[in-house]
PDB file of N, CA and C in Angstrom:
ATOM      1  N   MET A   1      -3.831  52.637 -31.191  1.00  0.00           N
ATOM      2  CA  MET A   1      -4.178  52.746 -29.785  1.00  0.00           C
ATOM      3  C   MET A   1      -5.566  53.355 -29.649  1.00  0.00           C
ATOM      4  N   THR A   2      -6.227  52.948 -28.610  1.00  0.00           N
ATOM      5  CA  THR A   2      -7.553  53.518 -28.350  1.00  0.00           C
ATOM      6  C   THR A   2      -7.417  54.780 -27.508  1.00  0.00           C
ATOM      7  N   ASP A   3      -8.510  55.528 -27.423  1.00  0.00           N
ATOM      8  CA  ASP A   3      -8.499  56.733 -26.600  1.00  0.00           C
ATOM      9  C   ASP A   3      -8.289  56.388 -25.127  1.00  0.00           C
ATOM     10  N   GLU A   4      -8.813  55.227 -24.694  1.00  0.00           N
ATOM     11  CA  GLU A   4      -8.610  54.814 -23.304  1.00  0.00           C
ATOM     12  C   GLU A   4      -7.127  54.560 -23.019  1.00  0.00           C
ATOM     13  N   GLU A   5      -6.445  53.910 -23.954  1.00  0.00           N
ATOM     14  CA  GLU A   5      -5.023  53.636 -23.785  1.00  0.00           C
ATOM     15  C   GLU A   5      -4.212  54.939 -23.744  1.00  0.00           C
ATOM     16  N   CYS A   6      -4.579  55.886 -24.593  1.00  0.00           N
ATOM     17  CA  CYS A   6      -3.895  57.176 -24.590  1.00  0.00           C
ATOM     18  C   CYS A   6      -4.105  57.899 -23.265  1.00  0.00           C
ATOM     19  N   ASN A   7      -5.326  57.847 -22.755  1.00  0.00           N
ATOM     20  CA  ASN A   7      -5.604  58.486 -21.467  1.00  0.00           C
ATOM     21  C   ASN A   7      -4.867  57.785 -20.331  1.00  0.00           C
ATOM     22  N   GLU A   8      -4.715  56.458 -20.427  1.00  0.00           N
ATOM     23  CA  GLU A   8      -3.945  55.710 -19.440  1.00  0.00           C
ATOM     24  C   GLU A   8      -2.493  56.181 -19.430  1.00  0.00           C
ATOM     25  N   ARG A   9      -1.915  56.306 -20.612  1.00  0.00           N
ATOM     26  CA  ARG A   9      -0.529  56.782 -20.720  1.00  0.00           C
ATOM     27  C   ARG A   9      -0.399  58.190 -20.144  1.00  0.00           C
ATOM     28  N   ALA A  10      -1.394  59.025 -20.409  1.00  0.00           N
ATOM     29  CA  ALA A  10      -1.369  60.391 -19.874  1.00  0.00           C
ATOM     30  C   ALA A  10      -1.363  60.361 -18.347  1.00  0.00           C
ATOM     31  N   SER A  11      -2.166  59.491 -17.760  1.00  0.00           N
ATOM     32  CA  SER A  11      -2.211  59.378 -16.301  1.00  0.00           C
ATOM     33  C   SER A  11      -0.879  58.887 -15.743  1.00  0.00           C
ATOM     34  N   GLU A  12      -0.260  57.928 -16.436  1.00  0.00           N
ATOM     35  CA  GLU A  12       1.045  57.428 -16.002  1.00  0.00           C
ATOM     36  C   GLU A  12       2.094  58.543 -16.043  1.00  0.00           C
ATOM     37  N   CYS A  13       2.048  59.340 -17.096  1.00  0.00           N
ATOM     38  CA  CYS A  13       2.999  60.453 -17.205  1.00  0.00           C
ATOM     39  C   CYS A  13       2.771  61.484 -16.101  1.00  0.00           C
ATOM     40  N   ALA A  14       1.514  61.762 -15.792  1.00  0.00           N
ATOM     41  CA  ALA A  14       1.203  62.715 -14.725  1.00  0.00           C
ATOM     42  C   ALA A  14       1.697  62.184 -13.377  1.00  0.00           C
ATOM     43  N   THR A  15       1.530  60.889 -13.145  1.00  0.00           N
ATOM     44  CA  THR A  15       2.035  60.282 -11.913  1.00  0.00           C
ATOM     45  C   THR A  15       3.549  60.381 -11.850  1.00  0.00           C
ATOM     46  N   ASN A  16       4.204  60.075 -12.965  1.00  0.00           N
ATOM     47  CA  ASN A  16       5.667  60.170 -13.007  1.00  0.00           C
ATOM     48  C   ASN A  16       6.141  61.605 -12.778  1.00  0.00           C
ATOM     49  N   ALA A  17       5.380  62.566 -13.265  1.00  0.00           N
ATOM     50  CA  ALA A  17       5.744  63.970 -13.052  1.00  0.00           C
ATOM     51  C   ALA A  17       5.709  64.307 -11.561  1.00  0.00           C
ATOM     52  N   SER A  18       4.708  63.787 -10.870  1.00  0.00           N
ATOM     53  CA  SER A  18       4.607  64.083  -9.435  1.00  0.00           C
ATOM     54  C   SER A  18       5.701  63.386  -8.632  1.00  0.00           C
ATOM     55  N   LEU A  19       6.255  62.307  -9.185  1.00  0.00           N
ATOM     56  CA  LEU A  19       7.310  61.564  -8.491  1.00  0.00           C
ATOM     57  C   LEU A  19       8.719  61.983  -8.901  1.00  0.00           C
ATOM     58  N   ALA A  20       8.827  62.804  -9.922  1.00  0.00           N
ATOM     59  CA  ALA A  20      10.144  63.189 -10.447  1.00  0.00           C
ATOM     60  C   ALA A  20      10.957  63.943  -9.396  1.00  0.00           C
ATOM     61  N   VAL A  21      12.267  63.695  -9.418  1.00  0.00           N
ATOM     62  CA  VAL A  21      13.148  64.313  -8.420  1.00  0.00           C
ATOM     63  C   VAL A  21      13.645  65.696  -8.842  1.00  0.00           C
ATOM     64  N   SER A  22      13.475  66.023 -10.124  1.00  0.00           N
ATOM     65  CA  SER A  22      13.907  67.352 -10.570  1.00  0.00           C
ATOM     66  C   SER A  22      12.809  68.000 -11.394  1.00  0.00           C
ATOM     67  N   GLU A  23      12.797  69.301 -11.370  1.00  0.00           N
ATOM     68  CA  GLU A  23      11.757  70.049 -12.082  1.00  0.00           C
ATOM     69  C   GLU A  23      11.814  69.856 -13.602  1.00  0.00           C
ATOM     70  N   PRO A  24      13.002  69.853 -14.226  1.00  0.00           N
ATOM     71  CA  PRO A  24      13.032  69.630 -15.678  1.00  0.00           C
ATOM     72  C   PRO A  24      12.447  68.274 -16.091  1.00  0.00           C
ATOM     73  N   ILE A  25      12.705  67.268 -15.300  1.00  0.00           N
ATOM     74  CA  ILE A  25      12.151  65.943 -15.614  1.00  0.00           C
ATOM     75  C   ILE A  25      10.637  65.954 -15.420  1.00  0.00           C
ATOM     76  N   ALA A  26      10.175  66.562 -14.344  1.00  0.00           N
ATOM     77  CA  ALA A  26       8.733  66.673 -14.099  1.00  0.00           C
ATOM     78  C   ALA A  26       8.057  67.412 -15.243  1.00  0.00           C
ATOM     79  N   HIS A  27       8.704  68.466 -15.721  1.00  0.00           N
ATOM     80  CA  HIS A  27       8.150  69.258 -16.826  1.00  0.00           C
ATOM     81  C   HIS A  27       8.026  68.408 -18.095  1.00  0.00           C
ATOM     82  N   GLU A  28       9.013  67.573 -18.357  1.00  0.00           N
ATOM     83  CA  GLU A  28       8.951  66.691 -19.535  1.00  0.00           C
ATOM     84  C   GLU A  28       7.792  65.703 -19.425  1.00  0.00           C
ATOM     85  N   PHE A  29       7.598  65.142 -18.231  1.00  0.00           N
ATOM     86  CA  PHE A  29       6.477  64.216 -18.038  1.00  0.00           C
ATOM     87  C   PHE A  29       5.136  64.936 -18.199  1.00  0.00           C
ATOM     88  N   ILE A  30       5.063  66.169 -17.738  1.00  0.00           N
ATOM     89  CA  ILE A  30       3.830  66.952 -17.895  1.00  0.00           C
ATOM     90  C   ILE A  30       3.554  67.202 -19.379  1.00  0.00           C
ATOM     91  N   LYS A  31       4.603  67.522 -20.139  1.00  0.00           N
ATOM     92  CA  LYS A  31       4.425  67.732 -21.579  1.00  0.00           C
ATOM     93  C   LYS A  31       3.970  66.439 -22.255  1.00  0.00           C
ATOM     94  N   LEU A  32       4.567  65.315 -21.862  1.00  0.00           N
ATOM     95  CA  LEU A  32       4.157  64.031 -22.440  1.00  0.00           C
ATOM     96  C   LEU A  32       2.699  63.716 -22.105  1.00  0.00           C
ATOM     97  N   ALA A  33       2.303  63.996 -20.880  1.00  0.00           N
ATOM     98  CA  ALA A  33       0.911  63.761 -20.484  1.00  0.00           C
ATOM     99  C   ALA A  33      -0.038  64.577 -21.354  1.00  0.00           C
ATOM    100  N   ALA A  34       0.322  65.828 -21.598  1.00  0.00           N
ATOM    101  CA  ALA A  34      -0.515  66.690 -22.441  1.00  0.00           C
ATOM    102  C   ALA A  34      -0.599  66.147 -23.865  1.00  0.00           C
ATOM    103  N   GLN A  35       0.513  65.642 -24.368  1.00  0.00           N
ATOM    104  CA  GLN A  35       0.502  65.076 -25.721  1.00  0.00           C
ATOM    105  C   GLN A  35      -0.374  63.828 -25.796  1.00  0.00           C
ATOM    106  N   TRP A  36      -0.283  62.960 -24.772  1.00  0.00           N
ATOM    107  CA  TRP A  36      -1.134  61.763 -24.767  1.00  0.00           C
ATOM    108  C   TRP A  36      -2.611  62.139 -24.690  1.00  0.00           C
ATOM    109  N   ARG A  37      -2.933  63.149 -23.889  1.00  0.00           N
ATOM    110  CA  ARG A  37      -4.334  63.591 -23.797  1.00  0.00           C
ATOM    111  C   ARG A  37      -4.809  64.151 -25.134  1.00  0.00           C
ATOM    112  N   ALA A  38      -3.937  64.889 -25.802  1.00  0.00           N
ATOM    113  CA  ALA A  38      -4.293  65.440 -27.114  1.00  0.00           C
ATOM    114  C   ALA A  38      -4.531  64.312 -28.116  1.00  0.00           C
ATOM    115  N   MET A  39      -3.699  63.283 -28.072  1.00  0.00           N
ATOM    116  CA  MET A  39      -3.895  62.144 -28.982  1.00  0.00           C
ATOM    117  C   MET A  39      -5.200  61.429 -28.685  1.00  0.00           C
ATOM    118  N   ALA A  40      -5.542  61.315 -27.409  1.00  0.00           N
ATOM    119  CA  ALA A  40      -6.811  60.682 -27.040  1.00  0.00           C
ATOM    120  C   ALA A  40      -7.980  61.486 -27.592  1.00  0.00           C
ATOM    121  N   SER A  41      -7.897  62.799 -27.488  1.00  0.00           N
ATOM    122  CA  SER A  41      -8.975  63.660 -28.003  1.00  0.00           C
ATOM    123  C   SER A  41      -9.091  63.549 -29.510  1.00  0.00           C
ATOM    124  N   ARG A  42      -7.952  63.524 -30.187  1.00  0.00           N
ATOM    125  CA  ARG A  42      -7.987  63.397 -31.645  1.00  0.00           C
ATOM    126  C   ARG A  42      -8.559  62.055 -32.051  1.00  0.00           C
ATOM    127  N   ARG A  43      -8.231  61.017 -31.325  1.00  0.00           N
ATOM    128  CA  ARG A  43      -8.722  59.672 -31.637  1.00  0.00           C
ATOM    129  C   ARG A  43     -10.248  59.648 -31.531  1.00  0.00           C
ATOM    130  N   ILE A  44     -10.773  60.267 -30.477  1.00  0.00           N
ATOM    131  CA  ILE A  44     -12.226  60.336 -30.309  1.00  0.00           C
ATOM    132  C   ILE A  44     -12.826  61.128 -31.470  1.00  0.00           C
ATOM    133  N   PHE A  45     -12.220  62.265 -31.788  1.00  0.00           N
ATOM    134  CA  PHE A  45     -12.716  63.122 -32.863  1.00  0.00           C
ATOM    135  C   PHE A  45     -12.656  62.396 -34.200  1.00  0.00           C
ATOM    136  N   LEU A  46     -11.541  61.761 -34.490  1.00  0.00           N
ATOM    137  CA  LEU A  46     -11.407  61.040 -35.759  1.00  0.00           C
ATOM    138  C   LEU A  46     -12.382  59.886 -35.845  1.00  0.00           C
ATOM    139  N   GLY A  47     -12.662  59.256 -34.720  1.00  0.00           N
ATOM    140  CA  GLY A  47     -13.636  58.174 -34.722  1.00  0.00           C
ATOM    141  C   GLY A  47     -15.003  58.669 -35.169  1.00  0.00           C
ATOM    142  N   SER A  48     -15.389  59.852 -34.721  1.00  0.00           N
ATOM    143  CA  SER A  48     -16.692  60.371 -35.114  1.00  0.00           C
ATOM    144  C   SER A  48     -16.694  60.784 -36.583  1.00  0.00           C
ATOM    145  N   ILE A  49     -15.562  61.248 -37.100  1.00  0.00           N
ATOM    146  CA  ILE A  49     -15.476  61.578 -38.521  1.00  0.00           C
ATOM    147  C   ILE A  49     -15.581  60.309 -39.353  1.00  0.00           C
ATOM    148  N   ASP A  50     -14.876  59.261 -38.930  1.00  0.00           N
ATOM    149  CA  ASP A  50     -14.937  57.992 -39.654  1.00  0.00           C
ATOM    150  C   ASP A  50     -16.365  57.484 -39.740  1.00  0.00           C
ATOM    151  N   ASP A  51     -17.111  57.594 -38.645  1.00  0.00           N
ATOM    152  CA  ASP A  51     -18.508  57.155 -38.644  1.00  0.00           C
ATOM    153  C   ASP A  51     -19.332  57.986 -39.622  1.00  0.00           C
ATOM    154  N   SER A  52     -19.093  59.292 -39.635  1.00  0.00           N
ATOM    155  CA  SER A  52     -19.826  60.174 -40.544  1.00  0.00           C
ATOM    156  C   SER A  52     -19.495  59.859 -41.998  1.00  0.00           C
ATOM    157  N   MET A  53     -18.222  59.578 -42.271  1.00  0.00           N
ATOM    158  CA  MET A  53     -17.811  59.272 -43.634  1.00  0.00           C
ATOM    159  C   MET A  53     -18.438  57.963 -44.104  1.00  0.00           C
ATOM    160  N   GLY A  54     -18.567  56.996 -43.208  1.00  0.00           N
ATOM    161  CA  GLY A  54     -19.222  55.740 -43.565  1.00  0.00           C
ATOM    162  C   GLY A  54     -20.677  55.970 -43.936  1.00  0.00           C
ATOM    163  N   THR A  55     -21.352  56.812 -43.181  1.00  0.00           N
ATOM    164  CA  THR A  55     -22.740  57.147 -43.482  1.00  0.00           C
ATOM    165  C   THR A  55     -22.829  57.865 -44.819  1.00  0.00           C
ATOM    166  N   LEU A  56     -21.918  58.791 -45.066  1.00  0.00           N
ATOM    167  CA  LEU A  56     -21.905  59.531 -46.329  1.00  0.00           C
ATOM    168  C   LEU A  56     -21.666  58.583 -47.500  1.00  0.00           C
ATOM    169  N   ALA A  57     -20.741  57.638 -47.355  1.00  0.00           N
ATOM    170  CA  ALA A  57     -20.454  56.676 -48.425  1.00  0.00           C
ATOM    171  C   ALA A  57     -21.686  55.827 -48.719  1.00  0.00           C
ATOM    172  N   THR A  58     -22.410  55.457 -47.682  1.00  0.00           N
ATOM    173  CA  THR A  58     -23.634  54.668 -47.872  1.00  0.00           C
ATOM    174  C   THR A  58     -24.668  55.482 -48.634  1.00  0.00           C
ATOM    175  N   LEU A  59     -24.817  56.735 -48.267  1.00  0.00           N
ATOM    176  CA  LEU A  59     -25.785  57.593 -48.953  1.00  0.00           C
ATOM    177  C   LEU A  59     -25.392  57.799 -50.413  1.00  0.00           C
ATOM    178  N   ASN A  60     -24.106  57.951 -50.682  1.00  0.00           N
ATOM    179  CA  ASN A  60     -23.639  58.155 -52.050  1.00  0.00           C
ATOM    180  C   ASN A  60     -23.829  56.920 -52.909  1.00  0.00           C
ATOM    181  N   SER A  61     -23.882  55.751 -52.307  1.00  0.00           N
ATOM    182  CA  SER A  61     -24.017  54.526 -53.087  1.00  0.00           C
ATOM    183  C   SER A  61     -25.475  54.168 -53.396  1.00  0.00           C
ATOM    184  N   LEU A  62     -26.409  54.912 -52.824  1.00  0.00           N
ATOM    185  CA  LEU A  62     -27.818  54.647 -53.110  1.00  0.00           C
ATOM    186  C   LEU A  62     -28.151  55.058 -54.538  1.00  0.00           C
ATOM    187  N   PRO A  63     -29.001  54.304 -55.210  1.00  0.00           N
ATOM    188  CA  PRO A  63     -29.374  54.677 -56.569  1.00  0.00           C
ATOM    189  C   PRO A  63     -30.165  55.977 -56.573  1.00  0.00           C
ATOM    190  N   GLU A  64     -29.987  56.738 -57.639  1.00  0.00           N
ATOM    191  CA  GLU A  64     -30.721  57.986 -57.758  1.00  0.00           C
ATOM    192  C   GLU A  64     -32.185  57.683 -58.118  1.00  0.00           C
ATOM    193  N   PRO A  65     -33.097  58.490 -57.602  1.00  0.00           N
ATOM    194  CA  PRO A  65     -34.508  58.250 -57.933  1.00  0.00           C
ATOM    195  C   PRO A  65     -34.758  58.461 -59.432  1.00  0.00           C
ATOM    196  N   SER A  66     -35.633  57.638 -59.999  1.00  0.00           N
ATOM    197  CA  SER A  66     -35.913  57.780 -61.440  1.00  0.00           C
ATOM    198  C   SER A  66     -37.144  58.566 -61.723  1.00  0.00           C
TER     199      SER A  66
END
């Protein structure tokens, strides 16, 4: 899933929390929304690490100066 999809799910959970008929159910939707937002943040963070690792791999594959 992309970070946008995770954020979409978080928004859906937040909407469901506001529509919930009982507080325990609303609380569960709020927790789910927080988890989806956390996954979106990790996805963004991991994406930047992956890019850095690709750059590092390219640098490591360069021949050493003679």
